[in-house]
Amino acid sequence: GVVHTSNDSIADAVINEGTEVLYG
């Protein structure tokens, strides 16, 4: 699978603000 997560937070951390599947 390949997924895409959006993250507009200023913090230098991975914050899940929405994830969509691109493949698989």
PDB file of all heavy atoms in Angstrom:
ATOM      1  N   GLY A   1       0.804  -1.212   0.000  1.00  0.00           N
ATOM      2  CA  GLY A   1       0.000   0.000   0.000  1.00  0.00           C
ATOM      3  C   GLY A   1       0.836   1.261   0.000  1.00  0.00           C
ATOM      4  O   GLY A   1       1.961   1.279   0.496  1.00  0.00           O
ATOM      5  N   VAL A   2       0.267   2.319  -0.583  1.00  0.00           N
ATOM      6  CA  VAL A   2       0.846   3.665  -0.533  1.00  0.00           C
ATOM      7  C   VAL A   2      -0.269   4.594  -0.067  1.00  0.00           C
ATOM      8  O   VAL A   2      -1.356   4.619  -0.668  1.00  0.00           O
ATOM      9  CB  VAL A   2       1.370   4.128  -1.910  1.00  0.00           C
ATOM     10  CG1 VAL A   2       1.970   5.534  -1.801  1.00  0.00           C
ATOM     11  CG2 VAL A   2       2.396   3.148  -2.465  1.00  0.00           C
ATOM     12  N   VAL A   3      -0.031   5.334   1.004  1.00  0.00           N
ATOM     13  CA  VAL A   3      -1.037   6.261   1.518  1.00  0.00           C
ATOM     14  C   VAL A   3      -0.443   7.663   1.602  1.00  0.00           C
ATOM     15  O   VAL A   3       0.780   7.841   1.600  1.00  0.00           O
ATOM     16  CB  VAL A   3      -1.570   5.822   2.901  1.00  0.00           C
ATOM     17  CG1 VAL A   3      -2.222   4.457   2.814  1.00  0.00           C
ATOM     18  CG2 VAL A   3      -0.468   5.824   3.952  1.00  0.00           C
ATOM     19  N   HIS A   4      -1.324   8.657   1.672  1.00  0.00           N
ATOM     20  CA  HIS A   4      -0.924  10.061   1.713  1.00  0.00           C
ATOM     21  C   HIS A   4      -1.589  10.715   2.913  1.00  0.00           C
ATOM     22  O   HIS A   4      -2.817  10.724   3.029  1.00  0.00           O
ATOM     23  CB  HIS A   4      -1.343  10.761   0.417  1.00  0.00           C
ATOM     24  CG  HIS A   4      -1.150  12.245   0.441  1.00  0.00           C
ATOM     25  ND1 HIS A   4      -2.046  13.136  -0.119  1.00  0.00           N
ATOM     26  CD2 HIS A   4      -0.152  13.012   0.972  1.00  0.00           C
ATOM     27  CE1 HIS A   4      -1.617  14.365   0.057  1.00  0.00           C
ATOM     28  NE2 HIS A   4      -0.477  14.318   0.718  1.00  0.00           N
ATOM     29  N   THR A   5      -0.769  11.251   3.816  1.00  0.00           N
ATOM     30  CA  THR A   5      -1.277  11.929   5.009  1.00  0.00           C
ATOM     31  C   THR A   5      -1.062  13.433   4.896  1.00  0.00           C
ATOM     32  O   THR A   5       0.036  13.887   4.553  1.00  0.00           O
ATOM     33  CB  THR A   5      -0.566  11.401   6.275  1.00  0.00           C
ATOM     34  OG1 THR A   5      -0.933  10.036   6.472  1.00  0.00           O
ATOM     35  CG2 THR A   5      -0.959  12.202   7.509  1.00  0.00           C
ATOM     36  N   SER A   6      -2.088  14.202   5.189  1.00  0.00           N
ATOM     37  CA  SER A   6      -1.987  15.664   5.216  1.00  0.00           C
ATOM     38  C   SER A   6      -1.619  16.119   6.620  1.00  0.00           C
ATOM     39  O   SER A   6      -2.149  15.598   7.611  1.00  0.00           O
ATOM     40  CB  SER A   6      -3.316  16.300   4.803  1.00  0.00           C
ATOM     41  OG  SER A   6      -3.654  15.940   3.481  1.00  0.00           O
ATOM     42  N   ASN A   7      -0.719  17.089   6.703  1.00  0.00           N
ATOM     43  CA  ASN A   7      -0.275  17.613   8.001  1.00  0.00           C
ATOM     44  C   ASN A   7       0.143  19.063   7.832  1.00  0.00           C
ATOM     45  O   ASN A   7       1.218  19.346   7.303  1.00  0.00           O
ATOM     46  CB  ASN A   7       0.887  16.766   8.535  1.00  0.00           C
ATOM     47  CG  ASN A   7       1.432  17.287   9.848  1.00  0.00           C
ATOM     48  OD1 ASN A   7       0.765  18.057  10.531  1.00  0.00           O
ATOM     49  ND2 ASN A   7       2.642  16.889  10.199  1.00  0.00           N
ATOM     50  N   ASP A   8      -0.700  19.988   8.293  1.00  0.00           N
ATOM     51  CA  ASP A   8      -0.398  21.415   8.189  1.00  0.00           C
ATOM     52  C   ASP A   8       0.044  22.017   9.518  1.00  0.00           C
ATOM     53  O   ASP A   8       0.187  23.238   9.635  1.00  0.00           O
ATOM     54  CB  ASP A   8      -1.634  22.174   7.690  1.00  0.00           C
ATOM     55  CG  ASP A   8      -1.865  21.978   6.197  1.00  0.00           C
ATOM     56  OD1 ASP A   8      -0.875  21.991   5.445  1.00  0.00           O
ATOM     57  OD2 ASP A   8      -3.028  21.782   5.794  1.00  0.00           O
ATOM     58  N   SER A   9       0.272  21.191  10.515  1.00  0.00           N
ATOM     59  CA  SER A   9       0.680  21.726  11.822  1.00  0.00           C
ATOM     60  C   SER A   9       2.092  22.311  11.735  1.00  0.00           C
ATOM     61  O   SER A   9       2.913  21.898  10.913  1.00  0.00           O
ATOM     62  CB  SER A   9       0.656  20.626  12.877  1.00  0.00           C
ATOM     63  OG  SER A   9       1.659  19.683  12.628  1.00  0.00           O
ATOM     64  N   ILE A  10       2.372  23.258  12.601  1.00  0.00           N
ATOM     65  CA  ILE A  10       3.696  23.887  12.626  1.00  0.00           C
ATOM     66  C   ILE A  10       4.726  22.962  13.264  1.00  0.00           C
ATOM     67  O   ILE A  10       5.907  22.977  12.928  1.00  0.00           O
ATOM     68  CB  ILE A  10       3.628  25.238  13.379  1.00  0.00           C
ATOM     69  CG1 ILE A  10       2.736  26.216  12.599  1.00  0.00           C
ATOM     70  CG2 ILE A  10       5.008  25.834  13.580  1.00  0.00           C
ATOM     71  CD1 ILE A  10       2.485  27.525  13.329  1.00  0.00           C
ATOM     72  N   ALA A  11       4.278  22.124  14.180  1.00  0.00           N
ATOM     73  CA  ALA A  11       5.197  21.235  14.906  1.00  0.00           C
ATOM     74  C   ALA A  11       5.935  20.306  13.945  1.00  0.00           C
ATOM     75  O   ALA A  11       5.366  19.845  12.943  1.00  0.00           O
ATOM     76  CB  ALA A  11       4.420  20.417  15.927  1.00  0.00           C
ATOM     77  N   ASP A  12       7.195  20.031  14.263  1.00  0.00           N
ATOM     78  CA  ASP A  12       7.996  19.125  13.441  1.00  0.00           C
ATOM     79  C   ASP A  12       7.728  17.682  13.873  1.00  0.00           C
ATOM     80  O   ASP A  12       8.594  16.994  14.401  1.00  0.00           O
ATOM     81  CB  ASP A  12       9.481  19.455  13.571  1.00  0.00           C
ATOM     82  CG  ASP A  12      10.325  18.623  12.613  1.00  0.00           C
ATOM     83  OD1 ASP A  12       9.802  18.232  11.556  1.00  0.00           O
ATOM     84  OD2 ASP A  12      11.501  18.350  12.939  1.00  0.00           O
ATOM     85  N   ALA A  13       6.486  17.267  13.665  1.00  0.00           N
ATOM     86  CA  ALA A  13       6.069  15.921  14.038  1.00  0.00           C
ATOM     87  C   ALA A  13       4.993  15.485  13.061  1.00  0.00           C
ATOM     88  O   ALA A  13       4.324  16.310  12.432  1.00  0.00           O
ATOM     89  CB  ALA A  13       5.530  15.901  15.467  1.00  0.00           C
ATOM     90  N   VAL A  14       4.832  14.188  12.910  1.00  0.00           N
ATOM     91  CA  VAL A  14       3.809  13.680  12.007  1.00  0.00           C
ATOM     92  C   VAL A  14       2.475  13.659  12.745  1.00  0.00           C
ATOM     93  O   VAL A  14       2.270  12.887  13.676  1.00  0.00           O
ATOM     94  CB  VAL A  14       4.157  12.265  11.506  1.00  0.00           C
ATOM     95  CG1 VAL A  14       3.044  11.749  10.602  1.00  0.00           C
ATOM     96  CG2 VAL A  14       5.485  12.284  10.752  1.00  0.00           C
ATOM     97  N   ILE A  15       1.576  14.550  12.329  1.00  0.00           N
ATOM     98  CA  ILE A  15       0.238  14.633  12.923  1.00  0.00           C
ATOM     99  C   ILE A  15      -0.768  14.317  11.824  1.00  0.00           C
ATOM    100  O   ILE A  15      -0.777  14.960  10.771  1.00  0.00           O
ATOM    101  CB  ILE A  15      -0.006  16.029  13.524  1.00  0.00           C
ATOM    102  CG1 ILE A  15       0.996  16.269  14.662  1.00  0.00           C
ATOM    103  CG2 ILE A  15      -1.436  16.160  14.017  1.00  0.00           C
ATOM    104  CD1 ILE A  15       0.984  17.671  15.216  1.00  0.00           C
ATOM    105  N   ASN A  16      -1.589  13.325  12.049  1.00  0.00           N
ATOM    106  CA  ASN A  16      -2.527  12.862  11.037  1.00  0.00           C
ATOM    107  C   ASN A  16      -3.736  13.776  10.961  1.00  0.00           C
ATOM    108  O   ASN A  16      -4.587  13.779  11.843  1.00  0.00           O
ATOM    109  CB  ASN A  16      -2.954  11.424  11.376  1.00  0.00           C
ATOM    110  CG  ASN A  16      -3.912  10.858  10.336  1.00  0.00           C
ATOM    111  OD1 ASN A  16      -4.079  11.399   9.249  1.00  0.00           O
ATOM    112  ND2 ASN A  16      -4.536   9.743  10.674  1.00  0.00           N
ATOM    113  N   GLU A  17      -3.800  14.550   9.891  1.00  0.00           N
ATOM    114  CA  GLU A  17      -4.951  15.427   9.662  1.00  0.00           C
ATOM    115  C   GLU A  17      -5.776  14.932   8.473  1.00  0.00           C
ATOM    116  O   GLU A  17      -6.477  15.705   7.831  1.00  0.00           O
ATOM    117  CB  GLU A  17      -4.466  16.864   9.445  1.00  0.00           C
ATOM    118  CG  GLU A  17      -3.780  17.446  10.676  1.00  0.00           C
ATOM    119  CD  GLU A  17      -3.230  18.847  10.461  1.00  0.00           C
ATOM    120  OE1 GLU A  17      -3.129  19.282   9.290  1.00  0.00           O
ATOM    121  OE2 GLU A  17      -2.905  19.504  11.459  1.00  0.00           O
ATOM    122  N   GLY A  18      -5.664  13.652   8.218  1.00  0.00           N
ATOM    123  CA  GLY A  18      -6.401  13.032   7.113  1.00  0.00           C
ATOM    124  C   GLY A  18      -5.481  12.171   6.269  1.00  0.00           C
ATOM    125  O   GLY A  18      -4.415  12.627   5.865  1.00  0.00           O
ATOM    126  N   THR A  19      -5.884  10.919   6.029  1.00  0.00           N
ATOM    127  CA  THR A  19      -5.064   9.993   5.253  1.00  0.00           C
ATOM    128  C   THR A  19      -5.908   9.330   4.174  1.00  0.00           C
ATOM    129  O   THR A  19      -7.029   8.886   4.438  1.00  0.00           O
ATOM    130  CB  THR A  19      -4.447   8.903   6.172  1.00  0.00           C
ATOM    131  OG1 THR A  19      -3.572   9.530   7.109  1.00  0.00           O
ATOM    132  CG2 THR A  19      -3.649   7.892   5.374  1.00  0.00           C
ATOM    133  N   GLU A  20      -5.376   9.302   2.951  1.00  0.00           N
ATOM    134  CA  GLU A  20      -6.066   8.663   1.826  1.00  0.00           C
ATOM    135  C   GLU A  20      -5.169   7.587   1.218  1.00  0.00           C
ATOM    136  O   GLU A  20      -3.941   7.682   1.261  1.00  0.00           O
ATOM    137  CB  GLU A  20      -6.430   9.699   0.754  1.00  0.00           C
ATOM    138  CG  GLU A  20      -5.211  10.383   0.129  1.00  0.00           C
ATOM    139  CD  GLU A  20      -5.573  11.283  -1.048  1.00  0.00           C
ATOM    140  OE1 GLU A  20      -6.627  11.043  -1.669  1.00  0.00           O
ATOM    141  OE2 GLU A  20      -4.765  12.185  -1.349  1.00  0.00           O
ATOM    142  N   VAL A  21      -5.786   6.563   0.660  1.00  0.00           N
ATOM    143  CA  VAL A  21      -5.045   5.470   0.023  1.00  0.00           C
ATOM    144  C   VAL A  21      -4.785   5.842  -1.438  1.00  0.00           C
ATOM    145  O   VAL A  21      -5.713   6.158  -2.183  1.00  0.00           O
ATOM    146  CB  VAL A  21      -5.825   4.153   0.113  1.00  0.00           C
ATOM    147  CG1 VAL A  21      -5.083   3.049  -0.638  1.00  0.00           C
ATOM    148  CG2 VAL A  21      -6.044   3.753   1.568  1.00  0.00           C
ATOM    149  N   LEU A  22      -3.516   5.799  -1.843  1.00  0.00           N
ATOM    150  CA  LEU A  22      -3.139   6.069  -3.236  1.00  0.00           C
ATOM    151  C   LEU A  22      -2.989   4.779  -4.035  1.00  0.00           C
ATOM    152  O   LEU A  22      -3.185   4.771  -5.256  1.00  0.00           O
ATOM    153  CB  LEU A  22      -1.810   6.837  -3.287  1.00  0.00           C
ATOM    154  CG  LEU A  22      -1.739   8.181  -2.568  1.00  0.00           C
ATOM    155  CD1 LEU A  22      -0.323   8.746  -2.647  1.00  0.00           C
ATOM    156  CD2 LEU A  22      -2.739   9.169  -3.167  1.00  0.00           C
ATOM    157  N   TYR A  23      -2.628   3.709  -3.336  1.00  0.00           N
ATOM    158  CA  TYR A  23      -2.391   2.430  -4.012  1.00  0.00           C
ATOM    159  C   TYR A  23      -2.580   1.306  -3.004  1.00  0.00           C
ATOM    160  O   TYR A  23      -2.126   1.405  -1.851  1.00  0.00           O
ATOM    161  CB  TYR A  23      -0.959   2.400  -4.574  1.00  0.00           C
ATOM    162  CG  TYR A  23      -0.498   1.041  -5.060  1.00  0.00           C
ATOM    163  CD1 TYR A  23      -0.781   0.616  -6.353  1.00  0.00           C
ATOM    164  CD2 TYR A  23       0.210   0.184  -4.210  1.00  0.00           C
ATOM    165  CE1 TYR A  23      -0.358  -0.634  -6.800  1.00  0.00           C
ATOM    166  CE2 TYR A  23       0.644  -1.057  -4.651  1.00  0.00           C
ATOM    167  CZ  TYR A  23       0.350  -1.462  -5.939  1.00  0.00           C
ATOM    168  OH  TYR A  23       0.766  -2.698  -6.379  1.00  0.00           O
ATOM    169  N   GLY A  24      -3.255   0.237  -3.406  1.00  0.00           N
ATOM    170  CA  GLY A  24      -3.381  -0.932  -2.536  1.00  0.00           C
ATOM    171  C   GLY A  24      -4.274  -0.663  -1.336  1.00  0.00           C
ATOM    172  O   GLY A  24      -5.396  -0.185  -1.461  1.00  0.00           O
TER     173      GLY A  24
END
